[in-house]
Amino acid sequence: MGLFGRKRAGGRRGAAAEDAEHLRAWAAVREGVEAFVEPRTAVTETTMILVAKDGEWTRRRVAGPDGARKLARSLRIPVYDVQIVGYPKRMRDHDARQRVLRERERRRGLGELGGYS
């Protein structure tokens, strides 16, 4: 056996119960959550992105497009096909804000180490 264990047949990891539980728990503590379904790729099975009102997001594998819609219905949130509607602007804006915050923290760390500010 290799260093990282056995490779699954087909190379892709499917959805697990922990994935659905993560999505449920994540949605339960955030406002304005919407679901966006991403198609299966050569590397990854179907995934679902949940995006909150403020743009924060999470992604996990789901049991296909039908499984994604079923999960979204159980969460009582709208679900969209990302290939049709694209990713929401608030998600991109959130990522941009996070990059700025990480860069500020990095620069502060350099300042504390005697580097340039």
N, C-alpha and C. Protein backbone atom coordinates (compact mmCIF):
# COMPACT_ATOMS: atom_id res chain seq x y z
N MET A 1 0.85 -1.18 0.00
CA MET A 1 0.00 0.00 0.00
C MET A 1 0.89 1.23 0.00
N GLY A 2 0.43 2.29 -0.69
CA GLY A 2 1.20 3.51 -0.82
C GLY A 2 1.18 4.35 0.44
N LEU A 3 1.89 5.44 0.37
CA LEU A 3 2.03 6.34 1.50
C LEU A 3 0.68 6.87 2.00
N PHE A 4 -0.25 7.15 1.10
CA PHE A 4 -1.53 7.75 1.49
C PHE A 4 -2.69 6.76 1.43
N GLY A 5 -2.42 5.50 1.42
CA GLY A 5 -3.49 4.50 1.41
C GLY A 5 -3.92 4.16 0.00
N ARG A 6 -4.95 3.38 -0.09
CA ARG A 6 -5.43 2.92 -1.38
C ARG A 6 -6.23 3.99 -2.10
N LYS A 7 -6.07 4.02 -3.40
CA LYS A 7 -6.84 4.92 -4.24
C LYS A 7 -8.17 4.25 -4.54
N ARG A 8 -9.24 5.00 -4.46
CA ARG A 8 -10.56 4.44 -4.76
C ARG A 8 -10.69 4.16 -6.25
N ALA A 9 -11.49 3.19 -6.57
CA ALA A 9 -11.75 2.86 -7.97
C ALA A 9 -12.32 4.08 -8.67
N GLY A 10 -11.80 4.39 -9.83
CA GLY A 10 -12.29 5.55 -10.58
C GLY A 10 -11.64 6.85 -10.16
N GLY A 11 -10.96 6.87 -9.03
CA GLY A 11 -10.23 8.05 -8.62
C GLY A 11 -11.05 9.14 -7.95
N ARG A 12 -12.37 9.03 -7.92
CA ARG A 12 -13.20 10.07 -7.31
C ARG A 12 -13.78 9.58 -6.00
N ARG A 13 -13.89 10.50 -5.05
CA ARG A 13 -14.54 10.18 -3.78
C ARG A 13 -15.97 10.68 -3.86
N GLY A 14 -16.91 9.85 -3.57
CA GLY A 14 -18.31 10.24 -3.60
C GLY A 14 -18.72 10.95 -2.32
N ALA A 15 -19.97 11.35 -2.30
CA ALA A 15 -20.51 12.04 -1.13
C ALA A 15 -20.58 11.07 0.05
N ALA A 16 -20.35 11.60 1.22
CA ALA A 16 -20.45 10.82 2.46
C ALA A 16 -21.47 11.48 3.36
N ALA A 17 -21.93 10.74 4.34
CA ALA A 17 -22.91 11.28 5.30
C ALA A 17 -22.36 12.54 5.97
N GLU A 18 -21.03 12.56 6.21
CA GLU A 18 -20.42 13.73 6.86
C GLU A 18 -20.55 14.98 5.99
N ASP A 19 -20.54 14.80 4.67
CA ASP A 19 -20.67 15.95 3.77
C ASP A 19 -22.04 16.59 3.93
N ALA A 20 -23.09 15.79 3.90
CA ALA A 20 -24.44 16.31 4.05
C ALA A 20 -24.63 16.92 5.44
N GLU A 21 -24.06 16.29 6.45
CA GLU A 21 -24.19 16.82 7.81
C GLU A 21 -23.49 18.16 7.94
N HIS A 22 -22.32 18.30 7.30
CA HIS A 22 -21.62 19.59 7.32
C HIS A 22 -22.49 20.68 6.69
N LEU A 23 -23.08 20.37 5.53
CA LEU A 23 -23.92 21.36 4.85
C LEU A 23 -25.13 21.74 5.70
N ARG A 24 -25.75 20.75 6.33
CA ARG A 24 -26.90 21.03 7.21
C ARG A 24 -26.51 21.93 8.38
N ALA A 25 -25.42 21.57 9.04
CA ALA A 25 -24.96 22.35 10.20
C ALA A 25 -24.56 23.76 9.79
N TRP A 26 -23.88 23.88 8.66
CA TRP A 26 -23.42 25.18 8.18
C TRP A 26 -24.62 26.08 7.89
N ALA A 27 -25.61 25.55 7.18
CA ALA A 27 -26.79 26.33 6.82
C ALA A 27 -27.61 26.73 8.04
N ALA A 28 -27.60 25.90 9.06
CA ALA A 28 -28.41 26.15 10.25
C ALA A 28 -27.99 27.40 11.02
N VAL A 29 -26.73 27.80 10.89
CA VAL A 29 -26.23 28.92 11.69
C VAL A 29 -25.95 30.17 10.85
N ARG A 30 -26.44 30.19 9.62
CA ARG A 30 -26.23 31.35 8.75
C ARG A 30 -27.54 31.81 8.14
N GLU A 31 -27.58 33.10 7.77
CA GLU A 31 -28.80 33.68 7.19
C GLU A 31 -28.70 33.76 5.67
N GLY A 32 -29.85 33.69 5.02
CA GLY A 32 -29.94 33.92 3.60
C GLY A 32 -29.17 32.93 2.75
N VAL A 33 -29.13 31.67 3.15
CA VAL A 33 -28.34 30.65 2.46
C VAL A 33 -29.03 30.20 1.18
N GLU A 34 -28.24 30.10 0.11
CA GLU A 34 -28.70 29.56 -1.17
C GLU A 34 -27.73 28.46 -1.58
N ALA A 35 -28.24 27.49 -2.35
CA ALA A 35 -27.42 26.37 -2.80
C ALA A 35 -27.13 26.50 -4.29
N PHE A 36 -25.90 26.15 -4.68
CA PHE A 36 -25.48 26.15 -6.07
C PHE A 36 -24.86 24.80 -6.36
N VAL A 37 -25.40 24.10 -7.34
CA VAL A 37 -24.93 22.76 -7.67
C VAL A 37 -23.90 22.83 -8.78
N GLU A 38 -22.74 22.21 -8.53
CA GLU A 38 -21.66 22.14 -9.52
C GLU A 38 -21.66 20.73 -10.12
N PRO A 39 -21.44 20.62 -11.42
CA PRO A 39 -21.49 19.32 -12.08
C PRO A 39 -20.29 18.43 -11.72
N ARG A 40 -20.47 17.17 -11.92
CA ARG A 40 -19.39 16.19 -11.77
C ARG A 40 -18.28 16.52 -12.77
N THR A 41 -17.05 16.32 -12.36
CA THR A 41 -15.90 16.53 -13.25
C THR A 41 -15.10 15.24 -13.33
N ALA A 42 -14.01 15.27 -14.05
CA ALA A 42 -13.14 14.09 -14.15
C ALA A 42 -12.50 13.76 -12.81
N VAL A 43 -12.44 14.73 -11.91
CA VAL A 43 -11.76 14.55 -10.63
C VAL A 43 -12.72 14.46 -9.45
N THR A 44 -13.84 15.16 -9.53
CA THR A 44 -14.75 15.30 -8.39
C THR A 44 -16.17 14.95 -8.78
N GLU A 45 -16.86 14.30 -7.87
CA GLU A 45 -18.29 14.05 -8.06
C GLU A 45 -19.05 15.37 -7.96
N THR A 46 -20.35 15.34 -8.14
CA THR A 46 -21.20 16.53 -8.03
C THR A 46 -20.98 17.17 -6.66
N THR A 47 -20.86 18.49 -6.66
CA THR A 47 -20.70 19.22 -5.40
C THR A 47 -21.78 20.29 -5.27
N MET A 48 -22.02 20.68 -4.04
CA MET A 48 -22.97 21.75 -3.74
C MET A 48 -22.24 22.81 -2.94
N ILE A 49 -22.41 24.05 -3.38
CA ILE A 49 -21.88 25.19 -2.64
C ILE A 49 -23.05 25.87 -1.95
N LEU A 50 -22.91 26.12 -0.67
CA LEU A 50 -23.89 26.93 0.05
C LEU A 50 -23.28 28.30 0.24
N VAL A 51 -24.05 29.34 -0.09
CA VAL A 51 -23.58 30.71 0.02
C VAL A 51 -24.54 31.48 0.92
N ALA A 52 -23.99 32.08 1.98
CA ALA A 52 -24.79 32.86 2.92
C ALA A 52 -25.00 34.28 2.38
N LYS A 53 -25.86 35.00 3.06
CA LYS A 53 -26.19 36.38 2.67
C LYS A 53 -24.96 37.27 2.58
N ASP A 54 -23.98 37.05 3.47
CA ASP A 54 -22.77 37.89 3.48
C ASP A 54 -21.70 37.42 2.50
N GLY A 55 -21.96 36.33 1.77
CA GLY A 55 -21.01 35.82 0.79
C GLY A 55 -20.14 34.70 1.29
N GLU A 56 -20.17 34.43 2.60
CA GLU A 56 -19.41 33.30 3.11
C GLU A 56 -19.95 32.03 2.46
N TRP A 57 -19.07 31.07 2.20
CA TRP A 57 -19.53 29.88 1.49
C TRP A 57 -18.78 28.63 1.93
N THR A 58 -19.37 27.49 1.60
CA THR A 58 -18.75 26.20 1.85
C THR A 58 -19.14 25.27 0.71
N ARG A 59 -18.32 24.26 0.46
CA ARG A 59 -18.56 23.31 -0.64
C ARG A 59 -18.35 21.89 -0.12
N ARG A 60 -19.25 20.99 -0.52
CA ARG A 60 -19.11 19.57 -0.20
C ARG A 60 -19.68 18.74 -1.34
N ARG A 61 -19.26 17.50 -1.39
CA ARG A 61 -19.80 16.56 -2.38
C ARG A 61 -21.21 16.18 -2.00
N VAL A 62 -22.03 15.93 -3.01
CA VAL A 62 -23.41 15.48 -2.80
C VAL A 62 -23.68 14.30 -3.72
N ALA A 63 -24.76 13.61 -3.45
CA ALA A 63 -25.12 12.42 -4.22
C ALA A 63 -25.83 12.80 -5.51
N GLY A 64 -25.13 13.49 -6.39
CA GLY A 64 -25.66 13.85 -7.70
C GLY A 64 -26.59 15.05 -7.64
N PRO A 65 -26.99 15.54 -8.83
CA PRO A 65 -27.89 16.70 -8.89
C PRO A 65 -29.22 16.47 -8.17
N ASP A 66 -29.78 15.27 -8.30
CA ASP A 66 -31.04 14.99 -7.61
C ASP A 66 -30.85 15.01 -6.09
N GLY A 67 -29.73 14.47 -5.63
CA GLY A 67 -29.44 14.50 -4.20
C GLY A 67 -29.26 15.92 -3.70
N ALA A 68 -28.65 16.77 -4.52
CA ALA A 68 -28.47 18.18 -4.15
C ALA A 68 -29.82 18.88 -4.01
N ARG A 69 -30.70 18.65 -4.98
CA ARG A 69 -32.02 19.29 -4.91
C ARG A 69 -32.81 18.78 -3.69
N LYS A 70 -32.70 17.50 -3.42
CA LYS A 70 -33.40 16.92 -2.27
C LYS A 70 -32.89 17.53 -0.96
N LEU A 71 -31.56 17.66 -0.86
CA LEU A 71 -30.97 18.26 0.34
C LEU A 71 -31.41 19.71 0.48
N ALA A 72 -31.39 20.47 -0.61
CA ALA A 72 -31.81 21.88 -0.57
C ALA A 72 -33.28 21.99 -0.14
N ARG A 73 -34.12 21.11 -0.66
CA ARG A 73 -35.55 21.13 -0.24
C ARG A 73 -35.67 20.86 1.25
N SER A 74 -34.89 19.90 1.75
CA SER A 74 -34.96 19.59 3.18
C SER A 74 -34.48 20.76 4.03
N LEU A 75 -33.57 21.55 3.49
CA LEU A 75 -33.07 22.74 4.20
C LEU A 75 -33.96 23.96 3.97
N ARG A 76 -34.91 23.81 3.04
CA ARG A 76 -35.82 24.90 2.68
C ARG A 76 -35.07 26.12 2.17
N ILE A 77 -34.12 25.84 1.27
CA ILE A 77 -33.35 26.92 0.65
C ILE A 77 -33.44 26.78 -0.86
N PRO A 78 -33.32 27.89 -1.58
CA PRO A 78 -33.34 27.80 -3.05
C PRO A 78 -32.09 27.11 -3.57
N VAL A 79 -32.24 26.42 -4.68
CA VAL A 79 -31.11 25.71 -5.29
C VAL A 79 -31.02 26.10 -6.76
N TYR A 80 -29.78 26.35 -7.22
CA TYR A 80 -29.54 26.79 -8.59
C TYR A 80 -28.47 25.92 -9.22
N ASP A 81 -28.51 25.81 -10.54
CA ASP A 81 -27.48 25.13 -11.30
C ASP A 81 -26.42 26.17 -11.64
N VAL A 82 -25.21 25.99 -11.14
CA VAL A 82 -24.15 26.98 -11.34
C VAL A 82 -23.79 27.14 -12.82
N GLN A 83 -24.01 26.11 -13.63
CA GLN A 83 -23.72 26.24 -15.06
C GLN A 83 -24.71 27.16 -15.76
N ILE A 84 -25.86 27.36 -15.17
CA ILE A 84 -26.88 28.23 -15.77
C ILE A 84 -26.79 29.65 -15.19
N VAL A 85 -26.72 29.75 -13.87
CA VAL A 85 -26.78 31.08 -13.24
C VAL A 85 -25.42 31.64 -12.86
N GLY A 86 -24.38 30.80 -12.81
CA GLY A 86 -23.07 31.25 -12.38
C GLY A 86 -22.98 31.37 -10.87
N TYR A 87 -21.84 31.86 -10.40
CA TYR A 87 -21.62 32.04 -8.97
C TYR A 87 -22.11 33.43 -8.57
N PRO A 88 -22.67 33.56 -7.36
CA PRO A 88 -23.18 34.88 -6.95
C PRO A 88 -22.05 35.87 -6.69
N LYS A 89 -22.32 37.12 -7.01
CA LYS A 89 -21.33 38.19 -6.83
C LYS A 89 -20.91 38.31 -5.38
N ARG A 90 -21.84 38.12 -4.46
CA ARG A 90 -21.50 38.26 -3.05
C ARG A 90 -20.44 37.24 -2.62
N MET A 91 -20.39 36.10 -3.28
CA MET A 91 -19.37 35.09 -2.99
C MET A 91 -18.00 35.58 -3.45
N ARG A 92 -17.94 36.12 -4.64
CA ARG A 92 -16.67 36.65 -5.15
C ARG A 92 -16.21 37.85 -4.30
N ASP A 93 -17.15 38.71 -3.91
CA ASP A 93 -16.81 39.87 -3.07
C ASP A 93 -16.26 39.41 -1.71
N HIS A 94 -16.87 38.37 -1.14
CA HIS A 94 -16.40 37.82 0.14
C HIS A 94 -14.97 37.31 0.01
N ASP A 95 -14.69 36.58 -1.07
CA ASP A 95 -13.34 36.07 -1.28
C ASP A 95 -12.33 37.20 -1.44
N ALA A 96 -12.72 38.26 -2.13
CA ALA A 96 -11.83 39.41 -2.31
C ALA A 96 -11.55 40.08 -0.96
N ARG A 97 -12.58 40.24 -0.12
CA ARG A 97 -12.39 40.82 1.21
C ARG A 97 -11.45 39.95 2.05
N GLN A 98 -11.62 38.64 1.97
CA GLN A 98 -10.78 37.73 2.74
C GLN A 98 -9.32 37.82 2.30
N ARG A 99 -9.08 37.96 1.00
CA ARG A 99 -7.70 38.11 0.50
C ARG A 99 -7.06 39.38 1.08
N VAL A 100 -7.82 40.48 1.11
CA VAL A 100 -7.31 41.73 1.66
C VAL A 100 -6.98 41.56 3.14
N LEU A 101 -7.87 40.92 3.89
CA LEU A 101 -7.63 40.71 5.32
C LEU A 101 -6.42 39.82 5.58
N ARG A 102 -6.27 38.76 4.78
CA ARG A 102 -5.09 37.88 4.93
C ARG A 102 -3.81 38.64 4.63
N GLU A 103 -3.84 39.49 3.62
CA GLU A 103 -2.65 40.27 3.26
C GLU A 103 -2.31 41.26 4.37
N ARG A 104 -3.32 41.88 4.97
CA ARG A 104 -3.06 42.80 6.09
C ARG A 104 -2.42 42.07 7.26
N GLU A 105 -2.94 40.87 7.57
CA GLU A 105 -2.37 40.07 8.66
C GLU A 105 -0.94 39.67 8.35
N ARG A 106 -0.68 39.31 7.11
CA ARG A 106 0.67 38.93 6.71
C ARG A 106 1.63 40.10 6.90
N ARG A 107 1.19 41.29 6.50
CA ARG A 107 2.04 42.47 6.64
C ARG A 107 2.26 42.83 8.10
N ARG A 108 1.22 42.67 8.93
CA ARG A 108 1.39 42.93 10.36
C ARG A 108 2.42 41.98 10.95
N GLY A 109 2.35 40.73 10.53
CA GLY A 109 3.31 39.73 11.01
C GLY A 109 4.72 40.08 10.61
N LEU A 110 4.91 40.62 9.42
CA LEU A 110 6.24 41.05 8.98
C LEU A 110 6.72 42.21 9.82
N GLY A 111 5.79 43.12 10.17
CA GLY A 111 6.16 44.27 10.99
C GLY A 111 6.61 43.84 12.37
N GLU A 112 5.94 42.84 12.94
CA GLU A 112 6.31 42.35 14.27
C GLU A 112 7.67 41.65 14.24
N LEU A 113 8.04 41.13 13.10
CA LEU A 113 9.33 40.43 12.99
C LEU A 113 10.45 41.39 12.61
N GLY A 114 10.14 42.68 12.55
CA GLY A 114 11.16 43.66 12.21
C GLY A 114 11.27 43.90 10.71
N GLY A 115 10.32 43.40 9.97
CA GLY A 115 10.30 43.61 8.51
C GLY A 115 9.70 44.94 8.15
N TYR A 116 9.44 45.13 6.91
CA TYR A 116 8.84 46.37 6.42
C TYR A 116 7.35 46.35 6.60
N SER A 117 6.73 47.51 6.82
CA SER A 117 5.29 47.59 6.96
C SER A 117 4.65 48.16 5.73
